[in-house]
């Protein structure tokens, strides 16, 4: 695992960003429901 991290250090950063984005998206879906679908299609 450490060998992969040393070869591809930016992958960890991308994975952290994606994890954060997915978490925010999931919370927004739960909180805003119907409005979320409309906003998501406009983005």
PDB file of N, CA and C in Angstrom:
ATOM      1  N   UNK A   1       0.832  -1.196   0.000  1.00  0.00           N
ATOM      2  CA  UNK A   1       0.000   0.000   0.000  1.00  0.00           C
ATOM      3  C   UNK A   1       0.871   1.253   0.000  1.00  0.00           C
ATOM      4  N   UNK A   2       1.911   1.277   0.816  1.00  0.00           N
ATOM      5  CA  UNK A   2       2.797   2.438   0.850  1.00  0.00           C
ATOM      6  C   UNK A   2       3.504   2.639  -0.478  1.00  0.00           C
ATOM      7  N   UNK A   3       3.802   1.537  -1.175  1.00  0.00           N
ATOM      8  CA  UNK A   3       4.440   1.650  -2.487  1.00  0.00           C
ATOM      9  C   UNK A   3       3.521   2.391  -3.458  1.00  0.00           C
ATOM     10  N   UNK A   4       2.234   2.076  -3.431  1.00  0.00           N
ATOM     11  CA  UNK A   4       1.290   2.767  -4.310  1.00  0.00           C
ATOM     12  C   UNK A   4       1.195   4.242  -3.955  1.00  0.00           C
ATOM     13  N   UNK A   5       1.194   4.538  -2.661  1.00  0.00           N
ATOM     14  CA  UNK A   5       1.112   5.937  -2.228  1.00  0.00           C
ATOM     15  C   UNK A   5       2.340   6.723  -2.646  1.00  0.00           C
ATOM     16  N   UNK A   6       3.509   6.090  -2.609  1.00  0.00           N
ATOM     17  CA  UNK A   6       4.716   6.806  -3.020  1.00  0.00           C
ATOM     18  C   UNK A   6       4.753   6.997  -4.534  1.00  0.00           C
ATOM     19  N   UNK A   7       4.179   6.070  -5.275  1.00  0.00           N
ATOM     20  CA  UNK A   7       4.146   6.205  -6.731  1.00  0.00           C
ATOM     21  C   UNK A   7       3.081   7.196  -7.201  1.00  0.00           C
ATOM     22  N   UNK A   8       1.960   7.225  -6.500  1.00  0.00           N
ATOM     23  CA  UNK A   8       0.838   8.070  -6.915  1.00  0.00           C
ATOM     24  C   UNK A   8       0.312   8.904  -5.743  1.00  0.00           C
ATOM     25  N   UNK A   9       1.079   9.890  -5.269  1.00  0.00           N
ATOM     26  CA  UNK A   9       0.625  10.672  -4.104  1.00  0.00           C
ATOM     27  C   UNK A   9      -0.620  11.510  -4.385  1.00  0.00           C
ATOM     28  N   UNK A  10      -0.808  11.918  -5.633  1.00  0.00           N
ATOM     29  CA  UNK A  10      -1.971  12.759  -5.936  1.00  0.00           C
ATOM     30  C   UNK A  10      -3.278  11.969  -5.914  1.00  0.00           C
ATOM     31  N   UNK A  11      -3.206  10.653  -6.040  1.00  0.00           N
ATOM     32  CA  UNK A  11      -4.419   9.829  -6.008  1.00  0.00           C
ATOM     33  C   UNK A  11      -5.101   9.955  -4.651  1.00  0.00           C
ATOM     34  N   UNK A  12      -4.311  10.017  -3.588  1.00  0.00           N
ATOM     35  CA  UNK A  12      -4.875  10.160  -2.246  1.00  0.00           C
ATOM     36  C   UNK A  12      -5.655  11.462  -2.141  1.00  0.00           C
ATOM     37  N   UNK A  13      -5.101  12.523  -2.686  1.00  0.00           N
ATOM     38  CA  UNK A  13      -5.776  13.819  -2.650  1.00  0.00           C
ATOM     39  C   UNK A  13      -7.088  13.769  -3.421  1.00  0.00           C
ATOM     40  N   UNK A  14      -7.080  13.149  -4.580  1.00  0.00           N
ATOM     41  CA  UNK A  14      -8.300  13.031  -5.387  1.00  0.00           C
ATOM     42  C   UNK A  14      -9.349  12.204  -4.656  1.00  0.00           C
ATOM     43  N   UNK A  15      -8.926  11.107  -4.035  1.00  0.00           N
ATOM     44  CA  UNK A  15      -9.873  10.269  -3.301  1.00  0.00           C
ATOM     45  C   UNK A  15     -10.483  11.027  -2.133  1.00  0.00           C
ATOM     46  N   UNK A  16      -9.680  11.832  -1.435  1.00  0.00           N
ATOM     47  CA  UNK A  16     -10.205  12.625  -0.321  1.00  0.00           C
ATOM     48  C   UNK A  16     -11.221  13.648  -0.822  1.00  0.00           C
ATOM     49  N   UNK A  17     -10.918  14.288  -1.953  1.00  0.00           N
ATOM     50  CA  UNK A  17     -11.840  15.270  -2.522  1.00  0.00           C
ATOM     51  C   UNK A  17     -13.156  14.606  -2.917  1.00  0.00           C
ATOM     52  N   UNK A  18     -13.070  13.459  -3.580  1.00  0.00           N
ATOM     53  CA  UNK A  18     -14.284  12.760  -4.002  1.00  0.00           C
ATOM     54  C   UNK A  18     -15.111  12.313  -2.806  1.00  0.00           C
ATOM     55  N   UNK A  19     -14.451  11.839  -1.765  1.00  0.00           N
ATOM     56  CA  UNK A  19     -15.154  11.408  -0.558  1.00  0.00           C
ATOM     57  C   UNK A  19     -15.899  12.579   0.066  1.00  0.00           C
ATOM     58  N   UNK A  20     -15.255  13.745   0.118  1.00  0.00           N
ATOM     59  CA  UNK A  20     -15.879  14.938   0.676  1.00  0.00           C
ATOM     60  C   UNK A  20     -17.072  15.361  -0.188  1.00  0.00           C
ATOM     61  N   UNK A  21     -16.894  15.368  -1.504  1.00  0.00           N
ATOM     62  CA  UNK A  21     -17.958  15.777  -2.418  1.00  0.00           C
ATOM     63  C   UNK A  21     -19.171  14.862  -2.303  1.00  0.00           C
ATOM     64  N   UNK A  22     -18.937  13.563  -2.242  1.00  0.00           N
ATOM     65  CA  UNK A  22     -20.035  12.602  -2.128  1.00  0.00           C
ATOM     66  C   UNK A  22     -20.770  12.782  -0.806  1.00  0.00           C
ATOM     67  N   UNK A  23     -20.031  13.057   0.266  1.00  0.00           N
ATOM     68  CA  UNK A  23     -20.662  13.289   1.564  1.00  0.00           C
ATOM     69  C   UNK A  23     -21.571  14.510   1.550  1.00  0.00           C
ATOM     70  N   UNK A  24     -21.087  15.594   0.945  1.00  0.00           N
ATOM     71  CA  UNK A  24     -21.898  16.812   0.847  1.00  0.00           C
ATOM     72  C   UNK A  24     -23.126  16.559  -0.016  1.00  0.00           C
ATOM     73  N   UNK A  25     -22.938  15.851  -1.127  1.00  0.00           N
ATOM     74  CA  UNK A  25     -24.052  15.543  -2.026  1.00  0.00           C
ATOM     75  C   UNK A  25     -25.128  14.726  -1.307  1.00  0.00           C
ATOM     76  N   UNK A  26     -24.711  13.723  -0.542  1.00  0.00           N
ATOM     77  CA  UNK A  26     -25.678  12.876   0.158  1.00  0.00           C
ATOM     78  C   UNK A  26     -26.458  13.653   1.212  1.00  0.00           C
ATOM     79  N   UNK A  27     -25.776  14.540   1.939  1.00  0.00           N
ATOM     80  CA  UNK A  27     -26.478  15.347   2.939  1.00  0.00           C
ATOM     81  C   UNK A  27     -27.470  16.302   2.277  1.00  0.00           C
ATOM     82  N   UNK A  28     -27.081  16.858   1.132  1.00  0.00           N
ATOM     83  CA  UNK A  28     -27.978  17.772   0.419  1.00  0.00           C
ATOM     84  C   UNK A  28     -29.212  17.034  -0.089  1.00  0.00           C
ATOM     85  N   UNK A  29     -29.032  15.804  -0.558  1.00  0.00           N
ATOM     86  CA  UNK A  29     -30.173  15.017  -1.035  1.00  0.00           C
ATOM     87  C   UNK A  29     -31.180  14.794   0.080  1.00  0.00           C
ATOM     88  N   UNK A  30     -30.678  14.453   1.260  1.00  0.00           N
ATOM     89  CA  UNK A  30     -31.577  14.179   2.384  1.00  0.00           C
ATOM     90  C   UNK A  30     -32.295  15.441   2.845  1.00  0.00           C
ATOM     91  N   UNK A  31     -31.562  16.556   2.888  1.00  0.00           N
ATOM     92  CA  UNK A  31     -32.135  17.774   3.442  1.00  0.00           C
ATOM     93  C   UNK A  31     -33.088  18.472   2.476  1.00  0.00           C
ATOM     94  N   UNK A  32     -32.745  18.503   1.185  1.00  0.00           N
ATOM     95  CA  UNK A  32     -33.515  19.302   0.244  1.00  0.00           C
ATOM     96  C   UNK A  32     -34.390  18.502  -0.713  1.00  0.00           C
ATOM     97  N   UNK A  33     -34.212  17.196  -0.769  1.00  0.00           N
ATOM     98  CA  UNK A  33     -35.090  16.319  -1.535  1.00  0.00           C
ATOM     99  C   UNK A  33     -35.425  16.755  -2.947  1.00  0.00           C
ATOM    100  N   UNK A  34     -36.645  17.292  -3.130  1.00  0.00           N
ATOM    101  CA  UNK A  34     -37.147  17.652  -4.459  1.00  0.00           C
ATOM    102  C   UNK A  34     -36.316  18.751  -5.111  1.00  0.00           C
ATOM    103  N   UNK A  35     -35.916  19.727  -4.340  1.00  0.00           N
ATOM    104  CA  UNK A  35     -35.139  20.841  -4.884  1.00  0.00           C
ATOM    105  C   UNK A  35     -33.784  20.348  -5.380  1.00  0.00           C
ATOM    106  N   UNK A  36     -33.226  19.362  -4.723  1.00  0.00           N
ATOM    107  CA  UNK A  36     -31.911  18.844  -5.100  1.00  0.00           C
ATOM    108  C   UNK A  36     -31.901  18.365  -6.547  1.00  0.00           C
ATOM    109  N   UNK A  37     -32.914  17.636  -6.964  1.00  0.00           N
ATOM    110  CA  UNK A  37     -32.965  17.113  -8.330  1.00  0.00           C
ATOM    111  C   UNK A  37     -32.959  18.243  -9.357  1.00  0.00           C
ATOM    112  N   UNK A  38     -33.699  19.290  -9.090  1.00  0.00           N
ATOM    113  CA  UNK A  38     -33.754  20.415 -10.025  1.00  0.00           C
ATOM    114  C   UNK A  38     -32.404  21.119 -10.112  1.00  0.00           C
ATOM    115  N   UNK A  39     -31.786  21.350  -8.989  1.00  0.00           N
ATOM    116  CA  UNK A  39     -30.487  22.024  -8.970  1.00  0.00           C
ATOM    117  C   UNK A  39     -29.418  21.143  -9.608  1.00  0.00           C
ATOM    118  N   UNK A  40     -29.435  19.858  -9.331  1.00  0.00           N
ATOM    119  CA  UNK A  40     -28.428  18.942  -9.873  1.00  0.00           C
ATOM    120  C   UNK A  40     -28.478  18.886 -11.394  1.00  0.00           C
ATOM    121  N   UNK A  41     -29.669  18.973 -11.969  1.00  0.00           N
ATOM    122  CA  UNK A  41     -29.760  18.935 -13.430  1.00  0.00           C
ATOM    123  C   UNK A  41     -29.250  20.223 -14.059  1.00  0.00           C
ATOM    124  N   UNK A  42     -29.291  21.305 -13.335  1.00  0.00           N
ATOM    125  CA  UNK A  42     -28.801  22.588 -13.861  1.00  0.00           C
ATOM    126  C   UNK A  42     -27.293  22.720 -13.749  1.00  0.00           C
ATOM    127  N   UNK A  43     -26.687  21.954 -12.864  1.00  0.00           N
ATOM    128  CA  UNK A  43     -25.227  21.992 -12.737  1.00  0.00           C
ATOM    129  C   UNK A  43     -24.656  21.156 -13.828  1.00  0.00           C
TER     130      UNK A  43
END
